[in-house]
C-alpha atoms as a PDB file:
ATOM      1  CA  UNK A   1     -76.195 -58.202  -5.936  1.00  0.00           C
ATOM      2  CA  UNK A   2     -74.791 -60.097  -8.892  1.00  0.00           C
ATOM      3  CA  UNK A   3     -71.123 -60.609  -9.760  1.00  0.00           C
ATOM      4  CA  UNK A   4     -70.344 -60.789 -13.466  1.00  0.00           C
ATOM      5  CA  UNK A   5     -67.097 -61.479 -15.270  1.00  0.00           C
ATOM      6  CA  UNK A   6     -65.928 -58.651 -17.537  1.00  0.00           C
ATOM      7  CA  UNK A   7     -63.402 -58.911 -20.366  1.00  0.00           C
ATOM      8  CA  UNK A   8     -59.867 -57.761 -19.618  1.00  0.00           C
ATOM      9  CA  UNK A   9     -58.845 -54.293 -20.824  1.00  0.00           C
ATOM     10  CA  UNK A  10     -55.934 -51.901 -20.464  1.00  0.00           C
ATOM     11  CA  UNK A  11     -56.705 -48.408 -19.188  1.00  0.00           C
ATOM     12  CA  UNK A  12     -54.784 -45.226 -18.466  1.00  0.00           C
ATOM     13  CA  UNK A  13     -55.658 -43.528 -15.173  1.00  0.00           C
ATOM     14  CA  UNK A  14     -54.856 -40.246 -13.460  1.00  0.00           C
ATOM     15  CA  UNK A  15     -55.362 -40.267  -9.682  1.00  0.00           C
ATOM     16  CA  UNK A  16     -56.542 -37.185  -7.790  1.00  0.00           C
ATOM     17  CA  UNK A  17     -57.960 -36.244  -4.386  1.00  0.00           C
ATOM     18  CA  UNK A  18     -60.871 -34.066  -3.349  1.00  0.00           C
ATOM     19  CA  UNK A  19     -64.397 -33.501  -4.570  1.00  0.00           C
ATOM     20  CA  UNK A  20     -64.581 -32.777  -8.245  1.00  0.00           C
ATOM     21  CA  UNK A  21     -66.980 -30.222  -9.645  1.00  0.00           C
ATOM     22  CA  UNK A  22     -67.713 -30.269 -13.378  1.00  0.00           C
ATOM     23  CA  UNK A  23     -64.912 -27.818 -14.255  1.00  0.00           C
ATOM     24  CA  UNK A  24     -62.322 -29.691 -12.158  1.00  0.00           C
ATOM     25  CA  UNK A  25     -63.318 -33.056 -13.647  1.00  0.00           C
ATOM     26  CA  UNK A  26     -63.091 -31.654 -17.174  1.00  0.00           C
ATOM     27  CA  UNK A  27     -59.584 -30.367 -16.385  1.00  0.00           C
ATOM     28  CA  UNK A  28     -58.511 -33.791 -15.056  1.00  0.00           C
ATOM     29  CA  UNK A  29     -59.821 -35.434 -18.239  1.00  0.00           C
ATOM     30  CA  UNK A  30     -57.871 -32.916 -20.355  1.00  0.00           C
ATOM     31  CA  UNK A  31     -54.747 -33.645 -18.263  1.00  0.00           C
ATOM     32  CA  UNK A  32     -55.116 -37.387 -18.880  1.00  0.00           C
ATOM     33  CA  UNK A  33     -55.534 -36.880 -22.624  1.00  0.00           C
ATOM     34  CA  UNK A  34     -52.525 -34.512 -22.667  1.00  0.00           C
ATOM     35  CA  UNK A  35     -50.403 -37.128 -20.892  1.00  0.00           C
ATOM     36  CA  UNK A  36     -51.471 -39.733 -23.452  1.00  0.00           C
ATOM     37  CA  UNK A  37     -50.676 -37.358 -26.323  1.00  0.00           C
ATOM     38  CA  UNK A  38     -47.014 -37.433 -25.234  1.00  0.00           C
ATOM     39  CA  UNK A  39     -46.935 -41.243 -25.278  1.00  0.00           C
ATOM     40  CA  UNK A  40     -47.473 -44.117 -27.693  1.00  0.00           C
ATOM     41  CA  UNK A  41     -50.933 -44.752 -26.185  1.00  0.00           C
ATOM     42  CA  UNK A  42     -54.178 -43.291 -27.558  1.00  0.00           C
ATOM     43  CA  UNK A  43     -57.586 -43.162 -25.915  1.00  0.00           C
ATOM     44  CA  UNK A  44     -60.178 -45.322 -27.657  1.00  0.00           C
ATOM     45  CA  UNK A  45     -63.061 -43.681 -25.786  1.00  0.00           C
ATOM     46  CA  UNK A  46     -63.943 -40.582 -23.767  1.00  0.00           C
ATOM     47  CA  UNK A  47     -62.349 -40.656 -20.275  1.00  0.00           C
ATOM     48  CA  UNK A  48     -64.644 -41.480 -17.355  1.00  0.00           C
ATOM     49  CA  UNK A  49     -64.415 -40.747 -13.625  1.00  0.00           C
ATOM     50  CA  UNK A  50     -64.108 -43.304 -10.827  1.00  0.00           C
ATOM     51  CA  UNK A  51     -64.966 -42.329  -7.229  1.00  0.00           C
ATOM     52  CA  UNK A  52     -63.921 -44.780  -4.499  1.00  0.00           C
ATOM     53  CA  UNK A  53     -64.897 -43.217  -1.177  1.00  0.00           C
ATOM     54  CA  UNK A  54     -68.227 -42.469   0.506  1.00  0.00           C
ATOM     55  CA  UNK A  55     -69.449 -38.850   0.430  1.00  0.00           C
ATOM     56  CA  UNK A  56     -68.652 -38.241   4.119  1.00  0.00           C
ATOM     57  CA  UNK A  57     -64.898 -38.863   3.598  1.00  0.00           C
ATOM     58  CA  UNK A  58     -62.764 -35.769   4.264  1.00  0.00           C
ATOM     59  CA  UNK A  59     -62.050 -34.085   0.937  1.00  0.00           C
ATOM     60  CA  UNK A  60     -58.240 -34.397   0.883  1.00  0.00           C
ATOM     61  CA  UNK A  61     -58.494 -38.114   1.783  1.00  0.00           C
ATOM     62  CA  UNK A  62     -60.857 -38.965  -1.083  1.00  0.00           C
ATOM     63  CA  UNK A  63     -59.410 -41.238  -3.803  1.00  0.00           C
ATOM     64  CA  UNK A  64     -60.617 -40.653  -7.339  1.00  0.00           C
ATOM     65  CA  UNK A  65     -59.397 -41.417 -10.847  1.00  0.00           C
ATOM     66  CA  UNK A  66     -60.024 -40.224 -14.348  1.00  0.00           C
ATOM     67  CA  UNK A  67     -59.581 -43.213 -16.652  1.00  0.00           C
ATOM     68  CA  UNK A  68     -59.969 -44.190 -20.260  1.00  0.00           C
ATOM     69  CA  UNK A  69     -59.410 -47.236 -22.401  1.00  0.00           C
END
């Protein structure tokens, strides 16, 4: 394992629980972009998904985010 320093960046994130299938993840990405459309912020790149828990975690306890810079 190697630890590397990354440059600082500001991101927008939308937190959600559960296991995301492709359709659900696409809807979360659309929701994030819709929330940004109503603000002064704009996405500089396509949103990406972050999964934090192991696969055996109970679905409603899983922590996930859709994020974009």
